[in-house]
Amino acid sequence: WHAWDKSGGYGDKDPANVRNHFRRGLAYAIYLAVACVQGAGDLEAYRALYRQYVPAIEELSKAGWEPIPYATASQGAIAERFGSFEQGELHFTLRNYTDAPVQSKLVLDRQGLGIPAQAQLVCMDILPAAPTLSAFAPEGQAIDLESQGSRAFWVGTRQQAAQHGFRLAAATLEKLERLFSTEMKESDRAAWKTAVEMARSGSQASGEQ
């Protein structure tokens, strides 16, 4: 697996091409090459990008790619769907294959996606380190895409957003527990178990008293 260039050759030594490799991977939830990039140069130069893109790709992969997007993107952008509204894990990626930046509009087929007509949706760009929620426009969400760029979004209701955040927290805690398992004391494990259970409980909470 390599950061292929446009001609189909190895592009691992070209920083611009490697960055494009990250964007391609995000669009289709394909994990990024490591060994070939390291072998071709300084892997450390891309550490910040790996730390951004790998968790986002993992989130998309866990949601699962769906063959019918039930959504369209304007300006020639390609939309892919991961996950479902029913499960609270509805994600979309958009990919701009042109050499010019565009502003695309992501329009959802609510009926096809099983979204109630009256549901007020929000969306979240899953790539930034500190994602924020914004209202999803009923007529379609305008999304800026750089040349050859990709973006990935979670879409749902505000309640689903809170549940989604708890699911991510639980997954992160479980991952860290596996990483530091041999160094944990029994008291650490008990506290960790409580934290994981709390996160799991939050992922099922309705917000009602």
C-alpha atoms as a PDB file:
ATOM      1  CA  TRP A   1       0.000   0.000   0.000  1.00  0.00           C
ATOM      2  CA  HIS A   2       1.441   3.344  -1.099  1.00  0.00           C
ATOM      3  CA  ALA A   3       0.526   7.005  -1.418  1.00  0.00           C
ATOM      4  CA  TRP A   4       0.013   6.571  -5.162  1.00  0.00           C
ATOM      5  CA  ASP A   5       0.359   9.591  -7.424  1.00  0.00           C
ATOM      6  CA  LYS A   6      -2.000  10.442 -10.293  1.00  0.00           C
ATOM      7  CA  SER A   7      -0.011   8.372 -12.792  1.00  0.00           C
ATOM      8  CA  GLY A   8      -0.266   5.282 -10.597  1.00  0.00           C
ATOM      9  CA  GLY A   9       3.336   5.458  -9.431  1.00  0.00           C
ATOM     10  CA  TYR A  10       4.812   5.696  -5.958  1.00  0.00           C
ATOM     11  CA  GLY A  11       4.241   9.172  -4.541  1.00  0.00           C
ATOM     12  CA  ASP A  12       5.538   8.573  -1.033  1.00  0.00           C
ATOM     13  CA  LYS A  13       8.317  11.165  -1.313  1.00  0.00           C
ATOM     14  CA  ASP A  14       6.045  14.001  -2.467  1.00  0.00           C
ATOM     15  CA  PRO A  15       4.565  15.827   0.579  1.00  0.00           C
ATOM     16  CA  ALA A  16       1.637  17.216  -1.453  1.00  0.00           C
ATOM     17  CA  ASN A  17       0.810  13.751  -2.752  1.00  0.00           C
ATOM     18  CA  VAL A  18       1.026  12.216   0.730  1.00  0.00           C
ATOM     19  CA  ARG A  19      -1.415  14.824   2.014  1.00  0.00           C
ATOM     20  CA  ASN A  20      -3.734  13.959  -0.848  1.00  0.00           C
ATOM     21  CA  HIS A  21      -3.408  10.307   0.211  1.00  0.00           C
ATOM     22  CA  PHE A  22      -4.862  11.296   3.598  1.00  0.00           C
ATOM     23  CA  ARG A  23      -7.806  13.023   1.927  1.00  0.00           C
ATOM     24  CA  ARG A  24      -8.506  10.029  -0.320  1.00  0.00           C
ATOM     25  CA  GLY A  25      -8.423   7.719   2.669  1.00  0.00           C
ATOM     26  CA  LEU A  26     -10.932   9.847   4.561  1.00  0.00           C
ATOM     27  CA  ALA A  27     -13.404   9.861   1.668  1.00  0.00           C
ATOM     28  CA  TYR A  28     -13.703   6.068   1.643  1.00  0.00           C
ATOM     29  CA  ALA A  29     -12.612   5.151   5.190  1.00  0.00           C
ATOM     30  CA  ILE A  30      -9.411   3.494   3.960  1.00  0.00           C
ATOM     31  CA  TYR A  31      -6.623   3.353   6.519  1.00  0.00           C
ATOM     32  CA  LEU A  32      -3.473   5.239   5.644  1.00  0.00           C
ATOM     33  CA  ALA A  33      -0.136   3.866   4.536  1.00  0.00           C
ATOM     34  CA  VAL A  34       2.609   4.036   7.163  1.00  0.00           C
ATOM     35  CA  ALA A  35       5.632   1.875   6.309  1.00  0.00           C
ATOM     36  CA  CYS A  36       6.088   3.220   2.784  1.00  0.00           C
ATOM     37  CA  VAL A  37       5.760   6.839   3.952  1.00  0.00           C
ATOM     38  CA  GLN A  38       8.270   6.175   6.717  1.00  0.00           C
ATOM     39  CA  GLY A  39      10.610   4.441   4.305  1.00  0.00           C
ATOM     40  CA  ALA A  40      10.442   7.316   1.840  1.00  0.00           C
ATOM     41  CA  GLY A  41      11.185  10.095   4.290  1.00  0.00           C
ATOM     42  CA  ASP A  42      10.293  11.563   7.662  1.00  0.00           C
ATOM     43  CA  LEU A  43       7.120  10.015   9.119  1.00  0.00           C
ATOM     44  CA  GLU A  44       7.273  12.527  11.964  1.00  0.00           C
ATOM     45  CA  ALA A  45       6.404  15.312   9.509  1.00  0.00           C
ATOM     46  CA  TYR A  46       2.956  13.771   9.120  1.00  0.00           C
ATOM     47  CA  ARG A  47       2.292  12.843  12.755  1.00  0.00           C
ATOM     48  CA  ALA A  48      -0.318  15.578  13.243  1.00  0.00           C
ATOM     49  CA  LEU A  49      -2.200  14.408  10.146  1.00  0.00           C
ATOM     50  CA  TYR A  50      -2.186  10.771  11.277  1.00  0.00           C
ATOM     51  CA  ARG A  51      -3.538  11.836  14.670  1.00  0.00           C
ATOM     52  CA  GLN A  52      -6.380  13.679  12.952  1.00  0.00           C
ATOM     53  CA  TYR A  53      -7.273  11.287  10.171  1.00  0.00           C
ATOM     54  CA  VAL A  54      -6.874   7.853  11.773  1.00  0.00           C
ATOM     55  CA  PRO A  55      -9.538   8.372  14.501  1.00  0.00           C
ATOM     56  CA  ALA A  56     -11.923   9.836  11.892  1.00  0.00           C
ATOM     57  CA  ILE A  57     -11.385   6.861   9.559  1.00  0.00           C
ATOM     58  CA  GLU A  58     -11.852   4.495  12.500  1.00  0.00           C
ATOM     59  CA  GLU A  59     -15.166   6.209  13.331  1.00  0.00           C
ATOM     60  CA  LEU A  60     -16.376   5.849   9.745  1.00  0.00           C
ATOM     61  CA  SER A  61     -15.250   2.220   9.560  1.00  0.00           C
ATOM     62  CA  LYS A  62     -17.074   1.356  12.751  1.00  0.00           C
ATOM     63  CA  ALA A  63     -20.262   3.006  11.445  1.00  0.00           C
ATOM     64  CA  GLY A  64     -19.939   0.902   8.280  1.00  0.00           C
ATOM     65  CA  TRP A  65     -20.115   1.897   4.604  1.00  0.00           C
ATOM     66  CA  GLU A  66     -23.566   1.761   3.001  1.00  0.00           C
ATOM     67  CA  PRO A  67     -24.001   1.214  -0.763  1.00  0.00           C
ATOM     68  CA  ILE A  68     -26.952   3.607  -1.147  1.00  0.00           C
ATOM     69  CA  PRO A  69     -26.135   7.082   0.214  1.00  0.00           C
ATOM     70  CA  TYR A  70     -29.699   8.484   0.095  1.00  0.00           C
ATOM     71  CA  ALA A  71     -27.988  11.855  -0.366  1.00  0.00           C
ATOM     72  CA  THR A  72     -26.623  13.971  -3.187  1.00  0.00           C
ATOM     73  CA  ALA A  73     -23.792  16.478  -3.381  1.00  0.00           C
ATOM     74  CA  SER A  74     -23.671  19.321  -5.896  1.00  0.00           C
ATOM     75  CA  GLN A  75     -20.736  20.765  -7.875  1.00  0.00           C
ATOM     76  CA  GLY A  76     -19.534  17.322  -8.936  1.00  0.00           C
ATOM     77  CA  ALA A  77     -18.625  16.218  -5.410  1.00  0.00           C
ATOM     78  CA  ILE A  78     -19.133  12.557  -4.514  1.00  0.00           C
ATOM     79  CA  ALA A  79     -21.067  11.686  -1.347  1.00  0.00           C
ATOM     80  CA  GLU A  80     -20.676   8.396   0.512  1.00  0.00           C
ATOM     81  CA  ARG A  81     -22.706   7.234   3.500  1.00  0.00           C
ATOM     82  CA  PHE A  82     -21.540   5.379   6.587  1.00  0.00           C
ATOM     83  CA  GLY A  83     -23.881   4.176   9.326  1.00  0.00           C
ATOM     84  CA  SER A  84     -27.567   4.910   9.812  1.00  0.00           C
ATOM     85  CA  PHE A  85     -29.834   7.459  11.443  1.00  0.00           C
ATOM     86  CA  GLU A  86     -31.659   4.709  13.330  1.00  0.00           C
ATOM     87  CA  GLN A  87     -28.453   3.746  15.138  1.00  0.00           C
ATOM     88  CA  GLY A  88     -27.478   7.364  15.737  1.00  0.00           C
ATOM     89  CA  GLU A  89     -24.322   6.885  13.675  1.00  0.00           C
ATOM     90  CA  LEU A  90     -25.189   8.563  10.367  1.00  0.00           C
ATOM     91  CA  HIS A  91     -22.049   9.828   8.620  1.00  0.00           C
ATOM     92  CA  PHE A  92     -21.314  11.272   5.195  1.00  0.00           C
ATOM     93  CA  THR A  93     -18.078  11.942   3.367  1.00  0.00           C
ATOM     94  CA  LEU A  94     -17.722  14.325   0.448  1.00  0.00           C
ATOM     95  CA  ARG A  95     -14.890  14.206  -2.073  1.00  0.00           C
ATOM     96  CA  ASN A  96     -13.978  16.898  -4.600  1.00  0.00           C
ATOM     97  CA  TYR A  97     -12.133  15.316  -7.530  1.00  0.00           C
ATOM     98  CA  THR A  98     -11.537  18.600  -9.342  1.00  0.00           C
ATOM     99  CA  ASP A  99      -8.439  20.794  -9.245  1.00  0.00           C
ATOM    100  CA  ALA A 100     -10.455  23.796  -8.049  1.00  0.00           C
ATOM    101  CA  PRO A 101     -12.151  24.471  -4.704  1.00  0.00           C
ATOM    102  CA  VAL A 102     -15.947  24.195  -4.724  1.00  0.00           C
ATOM    103  CA  GLN A 103     -18.853  24.815  -2.409  1.00  0.00           C
ATOM    104  CA  SER A 104     -21.025  21.731  -2.542  1.00  0.00           C
ATOM    105  CA  LYS A 105     -24.477  21.258  -1.047  1.00  0.00           C
ATOM    106  CA  LEU A 106     -25.252  17.989   0.719  1.00  0.00           C
ATOM    107  CA  VAL A 107     -28.963  17.224   0.337  1.00  0.00           C
ATOM    108  CA  LEU A 108     -30.482  14.340   2.281  1.00  0.00           C
ATOM    109  CA  ASP A 109     -33.268  11.984   1.236  1.00  0.00           C
ATOM    110  CA  ARG A 110     -34.938  11.993   4.645  1.00  0.00           C
ATOM    111  CA  GLN A 111     -37.454   9.325   3.758  1.00  0.00           C
ATOM    112  CA  GLY A 112     -34.791   6.985   2.431  1.00  0.00           C
ATOM    113  CA  LEU A 113     -32.653   7.586   5.525  1.00  0.00           C
ATOM    114  CA  GLY A 114     -35.569   7.094   7.917  1.00  0.00           C
ATOM    115  CA  ILE A 115     -35.340  10.623   9.329  1.00  0.00           C
ATOM    116  CA  PRO A 116     -38.654  12.011  10.633  1.00  0.00           C
ATOM    117  CA  ALA A 117     -39.807  15.048   8.654  1.00  0.00           C
ATOM    118  CA  GLN A 118     -39.969  17.193  11.793  1.00  0.00           C
ATOM    119  CA  ALA A 119     -36.537  16.183  13.146  1.00  0.00           C
ATOM    120  CA  GLN A 120     -34.170  19.114  13.605  1.00  0.00           C
ATOM    121  CA  LEU A 121     -30.725  17.967  12.523  1.00  0.00           C
ATOM    122  CA  VAL A 122     -27.246  19.066  13.450  1.00  0.00           C
ATOM    123  CA  CYS A 123     -23.940  18.086  11.886  1.00  0.00           C
ATOM    124  CA  MET A 124     -20.364  17.798  13.066  1.00  0.00           C
ATOM    125  CA  ASP A 125     -17.135  17.728  11.086  1.00  0.00           C
ATOM    126  CA  ILE A 126     -15.396  14.687  12.597  1.00  0.00           C
ATOM    127  CA  LEU A 127     -11.872  15.625  11.522  1.00  0.00           C
ATOM    128  CA  PRO A 128     -10.966  18.594  13.760  1.00  0.00           C
ATOM    129  CA  ALA A 129      -9.526  17.898  17.189  1.00  0.00           C
ATOM    130  CA  ALA A 130     -12.284  19.966  18.798  1.00  0.00           C
ATOM    131  CA  PRO A 131     -15.436  19.355  16.716  1.00  0.00           C
ATOM    132  CA  THR A 132     -18.476  21.590  17.144  1.00  0.00           C
ATOM    133  CA  LEU A 133     -22.143  21.115  16.285  1.00  0.00           C
ATOM    134  CA  SER A 134     -23.897  23.292  13.746  1.00  0.00           C
ATOM    135  CA  ALA A 135     -27.476  23.250  12.488  1.00  0.00           C
ATOM    136  CA  PHE A 136     -28.028  21.219   9.322  1.00  0.00           C
ATOM    137  CA  ALA A 137     -30.029  23.354   6.890  1.00  0.00           C
ATOM    138  CA  PRO A 138     -33.318  21.668   5.883  1.00  0.00           C
ATOM    139  CA  GLU A 139     -32.740  22.511   2.218  1.00  0.00           C
ATOM    140  CA  GLY A 140     -29.214  21.076   2.298  1.00  0.00           C
ATOM    141  CA  GLN A 141     -25.923  21.877   3.994  1.00  0.00           C
ATOM    142  CA  ALA A 142     -23.367  24.025   2.159  1.00  0.00           C
ATOM    143  CA  ILE A 143     -19.895  22.492   2.497  1.00  0.00           C
ATOM    144  CA  ASP A 144     -16.634  24.016   1.283  1.00  0.00           C
ATOM    145  CA  LEU A 145     -14.217  21.566  -0.323  1.00  0.00           C
ATOM    146  CA  GLU A 146     -10.670  22.411  -1.291  1.00  0.00           C
ATOM    147  CA  SER A 147      -9.104  21.194  -4.529  1.00  0.00           C
ATOM    148  CA  GLN A 148      -8.956  17.364  -4.394  1.00  0.00           C
ATOM    149  CA  GLY A 149     -10.309  17.702  -0.870  1.00  0.00           C
ATOM    150  CA  SER A 150     -12.474  15.526   1.347  1.00  0.00           C
ATOM    151  CA  ARG A 151     -14.555  16.137   4.450  1.00  0.00           C
ATOM    152  CA  ALA A 152     -16.470  13.842   6.781  1.00  0.00           C
ATOM    153  CA  PHE A 153     -19.538  14.647   8.865  1.00  0.00           C
ATOM    154  CA  TRP A 154     -21.702  13.042  11.497  1.00  0.00           C
ATOM    155  CA  VAL A 155     -25.406  14.000  11.130  1.00  0.00           C
ATOM    156  CA  GLY A 156     -28.271  13.518  13.596  1.00  0.00           C
ATOM    157  CA  THR A 157     -30.375  15.142  16.293  1.00  0.00           C
ATOM    158  CA  ARG A 158     -28.890  16.879  19.331  1.00  0.00           C
ATOM    159  CA  GLN A 159     -29.878  13.965  21.545  1.00  0.00           C
ATOM    160  CA  GLN A 160     -28.148  11.574  19.172  1.00  0.00           C
ATOM    161  CA  ALA A 161     -25.087  13.842  19.235  1.00  0.00           C
ATOM    162  CA  ALA A 162     -24.812  13.472  23.011  1.00  0.00           C
ATOM    163  CA  GLN A 163     -25.220   9.694  22.768  1.00  0.00           C
ATOM    164  CA  HIS A 164     -22.647   9.571  19.978  1.00  0.00           C
ATOM    165  CA  GLY A 165     -20.165  11.467  22.140  1.00  0.00           C
ATOM    166  CA  PHE A 166     -20.595   8.986  24.971  1.00  0.00           C
ATOM    167  CA  ARG A 167     -20.053   6.085  22.538  1.00  0.00           C
ATOM    168  CA  LEU A 168     -16.796   7.639  21.373  1.00  0.00           C
ATOM    169  CA  ALA A 169     -15.737   8.182  24.991  1.00  0.00           C
ATOM    170  CA  ALA A 170     -16.446   4.540  25.857  1.00  0.00           C
ATOM    171  CA  ALA A 171     -14.501   3.317  22.833  1.00  0.00           C
ATOM    172  CA  THR A 172     -11.525   5.522  23.749  1.00  0.00           C
ATOM    173  CA  LEU A 173     -11.529   4.354  27.358  1.00  0.00           C
ATOM    174  CA  GLU A 174     -11.629   0.705  26.284  1.00  0.00           C
ATOM    175  CA  LYS A 175      -8.758   1.286  23.882  1.00  0.00           C
ATOM    176  CA  LEU A 176      -6.637   2.958  26.574  1.00  0.00           C
ATOM    177  CA  GLU A 177      -7.434   0.152  29.015  1.00  0.00           C
ATOM    178  CA  ARG A 178      -6.051  -2.400  26.544  1.00  0.00           C
ATOM    179  CA  LEU A 179      -2.990  -0.242  25.970  1.00  0.00           C
ATOM    180  CA  PHE A 180      -2.119   0.134  29.670  1.00  0.00           C
ATOM    181  CA  SER A 181      -3.559  -3.142  30.945  1.00  0.00           C
ATOM    182  CA  THR A 182      -0.257  -4.539  32.241  1.00  0.00           C
ATOM    183  CA  GLU A 183       0.484  -1.356  34.208  1.00  0.00           C
ATOM    184  CA  MET A 184      -2.887  -1.037  35.947  1.00  0.00           C
ATOM    185  CA  LYS A 185      -3.466  -1.803  39.605  1.00  0.00           C
ATOM    186  CA  GLU A 186      -6.758  -3.283  40.806  1.00  0.00           C
ATOM    187  CA  SER A 187      -7.872   0.137  42.056  1.00  0.00           C
ATOM    188  CA  ASP A 188      -7.135   1.574  38.594  1.00  0.00           C
ATOM    189  CA  ARG A 189      -9.190  -1.152  36.931  1.00  0.00           C
ATOM    190  CA  ALA A 190     -12.143  -0.513  39.227  1.00  0.00           C
ATOM    191  CA  ALA A 191     -12.117   3.215  38.493  1.00  0.00           C
ATOM    192  CA  TRP A 192     -11.717   2.535  34.774  1.00  0.00           C
ATOM    193  CA  LYS A 193     -14.633   0.103  34.799  1.00  0.00           C
ATOM    194  CA  THR A 194     -16.821   2.735  36.440  1.00  0.00           C
ATOM    195  CA  ALA A 195     -15.861   5.284  33.805  1.00  0.00           C
ATOM    196  CA  VAL A 196     -16.596   2.880  30.930  1.00  0.00           C
ATOM    197  CA  GLU A 197     -19.958   1.921  32.419  1.00  0.00           C
ATOM    198  CA  MET A 198     -20.845   5.582  32.834  1.00  0.00           C
ATOM    199  CA  ALA A 199     -19.990   6.289  29.189  1.00  0.00           C
ATOM    200  CA  ARG A 200     -22.008   3.306  28.009  1.00  0.00           C
ATOM    201  CA  SER A 201     -24.959   4.433  30.126  1.00  0.00           C
ATOM    202  CA  GLY A 202     -24.740   7.894  28.606  1.00  0.00           C
ATOM    203  CA  SER A 203     -24.830   6.437  25.097  1.00  0.00           C
ATOM    204  CA  GLN A 204     -28.289   5.028  25.898  1.00  0.00           C
ATOM    205  CA  ALA A 205     -29.652   8.030  27.824  1.00  0.00           C
ATOM    206  CA  SER A 206     -32.703   9.833  26.484  1.00  0.00           C
ATOM    207  CA  GLY A 207     -32.296  13.023  28.489  1.00  0.00           C
ATOM    208  CA  GLU A 208     -35.637  12.472  30.187  1.00  0.00           C
ATOM    209  CA  GLN A 209     -35.995  12.428  33.963  1.00  0.00           C
END
